Amino acid sequence: MAKDHGPQIKDDEQYEKLREEGLSKQKAARIANTDRQEAGKKGGTSDKYEEWSKDDLYQKAKDVGIDGRSKMSKDQLINALRNH
């Protein structure tokens, strides 16, 4: 049985499984709190990161708090954003 992580986590069992797989607390919580019925219906309309400018990628990395972004290449920024 999964530990109760409080009202901020909707699916404690999924959260724990994701944490065991090595996901950050933030990412595991986002996934565990996603309504499974709605998740497939959502779809981004944003361009793929490869189509973004390096400046736009840098700004997004800044917004989400990725450290070391000023020294990253475009490919490194893309990788960091995808794995954040």
N, C-alpha and C. Protein backbone atom coordinates (compact mmCIF):
# COMPACT_ATOMS: atom_id res chain seq x y z
N MET A 1 0.84 -1.18 0.00
CA MET A 1 0.00 0.00 0.00
C MET A 1 0.89 1.25 0.00
N ALA A 2 0.50 2.20 -0.78
CA ALA A 2 1.29 3.42 -0.93
C ALA A 2 1.10 4.34 0.27
N LYS A 3 2.17 5.03 0.60
CA LYS A 3 2.14 6.03 1.67
C LYS A 3 1.27 7.21 1.23
N ASP A 4 0.56 7.81 2.15
CA ASP A 4 -0.26 8.98 1.84
C ASP A 4 0.65 10.21 1.80
N HIS A 5 0.74 10.84 0.65
CA HIS A 5 1.59 12.01 0.47
C HIS A 5 0.82 13.32 0.62
N GLY A 6 -0.36 13.23 1.14
CA GLY A 6 -1.16 14.43 1.39
C GLY A 6 -2.02 14.81 0.20
N PRO A 7 -2.78 15.89 0.36
CA PRO A 7 -3.73 16.28 -0.68
C PRO A 7 -3.09 16.81 -1.96
N GLN A 8 -1.80 17.15 -1.91
CA GLN A 8 -1.15 17.66 -3.11
C GLN A 8 -0.82 16.57 -4.13
N ILE A 9 -0.89 15.30 -3.75
CA ILE A 9 -0.63 14.18 -4.65
C ILE A 9 -1.94 13.39 -4.79
N LYS A 10 -2.46 13.32 -6.03
CA LYS A 10 -3.73 12.63 -6.27
C LYS A 10 -3.58 11.11 -6.30
N ASP A 11 -2.49 10.62 -6.89
CA ASP A 11 -2.29 9.18 -7.05
C ASP A 11 -0.98 8.80 -6.37
N ASP A 12 -1.05 8.46 -5.08
CA ASP A 12 0.14 8.16 -4.28
C ASP A 12 0.92 6.98 -4.83
N GLU A 13 0.21 5.96 -5.28
CA GLU A 13 0.87 4.75 -5.79
C GLU A 13 1.69 5.07 -7.04
N GLN A 14 1.11 5.81 -7.96
CA GLN A 14 1.82 6.18 -9.18
C GLN A 14 3.01 7.08 -8.85
N TYR A 15 2.81 8.02 -7.93
CA TYR A 15 3.88 8.93 -7.51
C TYR A 15 5.07 8.14 -7.00
N GLU A 16 4.84 7.18 -6.11
CA GLU A 16 5.93 6.39 -5.55
C GLU A 16 6.65 5.58 -6.63
N LYS A 17 5.91 5.01 -7.56
CA LYS A 17 6.51 4.24 -8.65
C LYS A 17 7.42 5.14 -9.50
N LEU A 18 6.95 6.32 -9.80
CA LEU A 18 7.74 7.26 -10.60
C LEU A 18 8.99 7.71 -9.86
N ARG A 19 8.89 7.93 -8.57
CA ARG A 19 10.06 8.31 -7.76
C ARG A 19 11.08 7.18 -7.74
N GLU A 20 10.61 5.93 -7.65
CA GLU A 20 11.50 4.77 -7.67
C GLU A 20 12.22 4.66 -9.00
N GLU A 21 11.56 5.11 -10.08
CA GLU A 21 12.17 5.08 -11.41
C GLU A 21 13.19 6.21 -11.58
N GLY A 22 13.27 7.10 -10.59
CA GLY A 22 14.28 8.15 -10.63
C GLY A 22 13.78 9.52 -11.05
N LEU A 23 12.49 9.69 -11.22
CA LEU A 23 11.96 11.00 -11.58
C LEU A 23 12.04 11.94 -10.38
N SER A 24 12.18 13.22 -10.67
CA SER A 24 12.22 14.22 -9.60
C SER A 24 10.87 14.27 -8.91
N LYS A 25 10.85 14.85 -7.73
CA LYS A 25 9.59 14.99 -6.99
C LYS A 25 8.60 15.81 -7.79
N GLN A 26 9.10 16.89 -8.42
CA GLN A 26 8.23 17.76 -9.21
C GLN A 26 7.59 17.02 -10.37
N LYS A 27 8.42 16.33 -11.14
CA LYS A 27 7.90 15.65 -12.33
C LYS A 27 6.97 14.50 -11.94
N ALA A 28 7.34 13.75 -10.92
CA ALA A 28 6.49 12.65 -10.46
C ALA A 28 5.13 13.18 -9.99
N ALA A 29 5.14 14.31 -9.30
CA ALA A 29 3.89 14.90 -8.83
C ALA A 29 3.03 15.37 -10.00
N ARG A 30 3.66 16.01 -11.00
CA ARG A 30 2.89 16.46 -12.17
C ARG A 30 2.20 15.29 -12.85
N ILE A 31 2.92 14.19 -13.02
CA ILE A 31 2.36 13.03 -13.70
C ILE A 31 1.28 12.38 -12.84
N ALA A 32 1.57 12.22 -11.55
CA ALA A 32 0.62 11.56 -10.64
C ALA A 32 -0.66 12.39 -10.48
N ASN A 33 -0.59 13.68 -10.72
CA ASN A 33 -1.76 14.54 -10.57
C ASN A 33 -2.52 14.75 -11.87
N THR A 34 -2.06 14.15 -12.95
CA THR A 34 -2.74 14.27 -14.23
C THR A 34 -3.91 13.30 -14.29
N ASP A 35 -5.05 13.82 -14.66
CA ASP A 35 -6.24 12.98 -14.82
C ASP A 35 -6.02 12.09 -16.04
N ARG A 36 -6.00 10.80 -15.84
CA ARG A 36 -5.69 9.86 -16.92
C ARG A 36 -6.71 9.92 -18.06
N GLN A 37 -7.94 10.29 -17.75
CA GLN A 37 -8.97 10.40 -18.79
C GLN A 37 -8.69 11.59 -19.71
N GLU A 38 -8.12 12.64 -19.16
CA GLU A 38 -7.89 13.87 -19.92
C GLU A 38 -6.50 13.92 -20.54
N ALA A 39 -5.56 13.14 -20.03
CA ALA A 39 -4.17 13.25 -20.47
C ALA A 39 -4.01 13.02 -21.97
N GLY A 40 -4.68 12.06 -22.52
CA GLY A 40 -4.56 11.77 -23.94
C GLY A 40 -5.24 12.80 -24.82
N LYS A 41 -6.18 13.52 -24.27
CA LYS A 41 -6.91 14.51 -25.04
C LYS A 41 -6.14 15.81 -25.15
N LYS A 42 -5.25 16.04 -24.19
CA LYS A 42 -4.45 17.25 -24.22
C LYS A 42 -3.38 17.06 -25.29
N GLY A 43 -3.07 18.10 -25.94
CA GLY A 43 -2.01 18.01 -26.93
C GLY A 43 -1.43 19.38 -27.15
N GLY A 44 -0.13 19.43 -27.12
CA GLY A 44 0.53 20.71 -27.30
C GLY A 44 0.40 21.20 -28.72
N THR A 45 0.28 22.50 -28.85
CA THR A 45 0.24 23.10 -30.18
C THR A 45 1.53 23.86 -30.44
N SER A 46 2.45 23.76 -29.51
CA SER A 46 3.72 24.44 -29.64
C SER A 46 4.62 23.71 -30.63
N ASP A 47 5.51 24.46 -31.27
CA ASP A 47 6.49 23.85 -32.17
C ASP A 47 7.44 22.96 -31.38
N LYS A 48 8.04 22.00 -32.06
CA LYS A 48 9.04 21.16 -31.44
C LYS A 48 10.22 22.03 -31.02
N TYR A 49 10.90 21.61 -29.95
CA TYR A 49 12.03 22.39 -29.45
C TYR A 49 13.08 22.63 -30.54
N GLU A 50 13.25 21.69 -31.45
CA GLU A 50 14.25 21.85 -32.51
C GLU A 50 13.94 23.07 -33.40
N GLU A 51 12.69 23.47 -33.43
CA GLU A 51 12.28 24.60 -34.26
C GLU A 51 12.36 25.93 -33.50
N TRP A 52 12.61 25.87 -32.21
CA TRP A 52 12.74 27.08 -31.40
C TRP A 52 14.12 27.69 -31.60
N SER A 53 14.22 28.99 -31.40
CA SER A 53 15.54 29.64 -31.42
C SER A 53 16.25 29.33 -30.11
N LYS A 54 17.57 29.48 -30.12
CA LYS A 54 18.34 29.24 -28.91
C LYS A 54 17.92 30.22 -27.82
N ASP A 55 17.64 31.47 -28.19
CA ASP A 55 17.20 32.46 -27.21
C ASP A 55 15.88 32.05 -26.55
N ASP A 56 14.95 31.51 -27.34
CA ASP A 56 13.67 31.06 -26.78
C ASP A 56 13.87 29.86 -25.86
N LEU A 57 14.75 28.94 -26.25
CA LEU A 57 15.06 27.79 -25.41
C LEU A 57 15.69 28.24 -24.10
N TYR A 58 16.60 29.20 -24.20
CA TYR A 58 17.26 29.74 -23.01
C TYR A 58 16.22 30.34 -22.06
N GLN A 59 15.29 31.11 -22.59
CA GLN A 59 14.27 31.74 -21.77
C GLN A 59 13.38 30.69 -21.09
N LYS A 60 13.01 29.66 -21.83
CA LYS A 60 12.21 28.58 -21.25
C LYS A 60 12.99 27.88 -20.13
N ALA A 61 14.28 27.63 -20.37
CA ALA A 61 15.14 27.00 -19.36
C ALA A 61 15.23 27.89 -18.12
N LYS A 62 15.30 29.18 -18.33
CA LYS A 62 15.34 30.12 -17.22
C LYS A 62 14.02 30.07 -16.44
N ASP A 63 12.91 30.04 -17.17
CA ASP A 63 11.59 30.00 -16.54
C ASP A 63 11.39 28.77 -15.66
N VAL A 64 11.94 27.63 -16.09
CA VAL A 64 11.76 26.40 -15.31
C VAL A 64 12.90 26.14 -14.33
N GLY A 65 13.91 27.02 -14.32
CA GLY A 65 14.97 26.94 -13.32
C GLY A 65 16.08 25.96 -13.61
N ILE A 66 16.46 25.80 -14.86
CA ILE A 66 17.55 24.90 -15.21
C ILE A 66 18.89 25.62 -14.97
N ASP A 67 19.72 25.02 -14.13
CA ASP A 67 21.03 25.59 -13.82
C ASP A 67 22.02 25.34 -14.96
N GLY A 68 22.96 26.25 -15.14
CA GLY A 68 24.01 26.10 -16.13
C GLY A 68 23.58 26.38 -17.55
N ARG A 69 22.40 26.94 -17.72
CA ARG A 69 21.83 27.16 -19.06
C ARG A 69 22.65 28.12 -19.91
N SER A 70 23.35 29.07 -19.28
CA SER A 70 24.10 30.07 -20.06
C SER A 70 25.25 29.45 -20.83
N LYS A 71 25.73 28.31 -20.38
CA LYS A 71 26.86 27.66 -21.04
C LYS A 71 26.42 26.53 -21.98
N MET A 72 25.12 26.32 -22.10
CA MET A 72 24.61 25.19 -22.90
C MET A 72 24.44 25.56 -24.36
N SER A 73 24.67 24.56 -25.22
CA SER A 73 24.38 24.70 -26.65
C SER A 73 22.88 24.50 -26.84
N LYS A 74 22.42 24.74 -28.05
CA LYS A 74 21.00 24.55 -28.34
C LYS A 74 20.58 23.11 -28.06
N ASP A 75 21.37 22.14 -28.49
CA ASP A 75 21.05 20.73 -28.26
C ASP A 75 21.03 20.40 -26.76
N GLN A 76 21.94 20.99 -26.01
CA GLN A 76 21.98 20.74 -24.57
C GLN A 76 20.76 21.36 -23.89
N LEU A 77 20.34 22.53 -24.35
CA LEU A 77 19.14 23.16 -23.79
C LEU A 77 17.91 22.29 -24.05
N ILE A 78 17.81 21.78 -25.27
CA ILE A 78 16.68 20.91 -25.63
C ILE A 78 16.66 19.68 -24.72
N ASN A 79 17.82 19.06 -24.55
CA ASN A 79 17.92 17.87 -23.70
C ASN A 79 17.55 18.20 -22.25
N ALA A 80 18.05 19.31 -21.76
CA ALA A 80 17.77 19.71 -20.38
C ALA A 80 16.28 19.98 -20.18
N LEU A 81 15.64 20.63 -21.14
CA LEU A 81 14.21 20.92 -21.04
C LEU A 81 13.38 19.64 -21.08
N ARG A 82 13.77 18.73 -21.95
CA ARG A 82 13.02 17.48 -22.06
C ARG A 82 13.16 16.60 -20.83
N ASN A 83 14.27 16.71 -20.14
CA ASN A 83 14.53 15.84 -18.99
C ASN A 83 14.32 16.54 -17.66
N HIS A 84 13.79 17.74 -17.69
CA HIS A 84 13.54 18.48 -16.45
C HIS A 84 12.33 17.93 -15.75
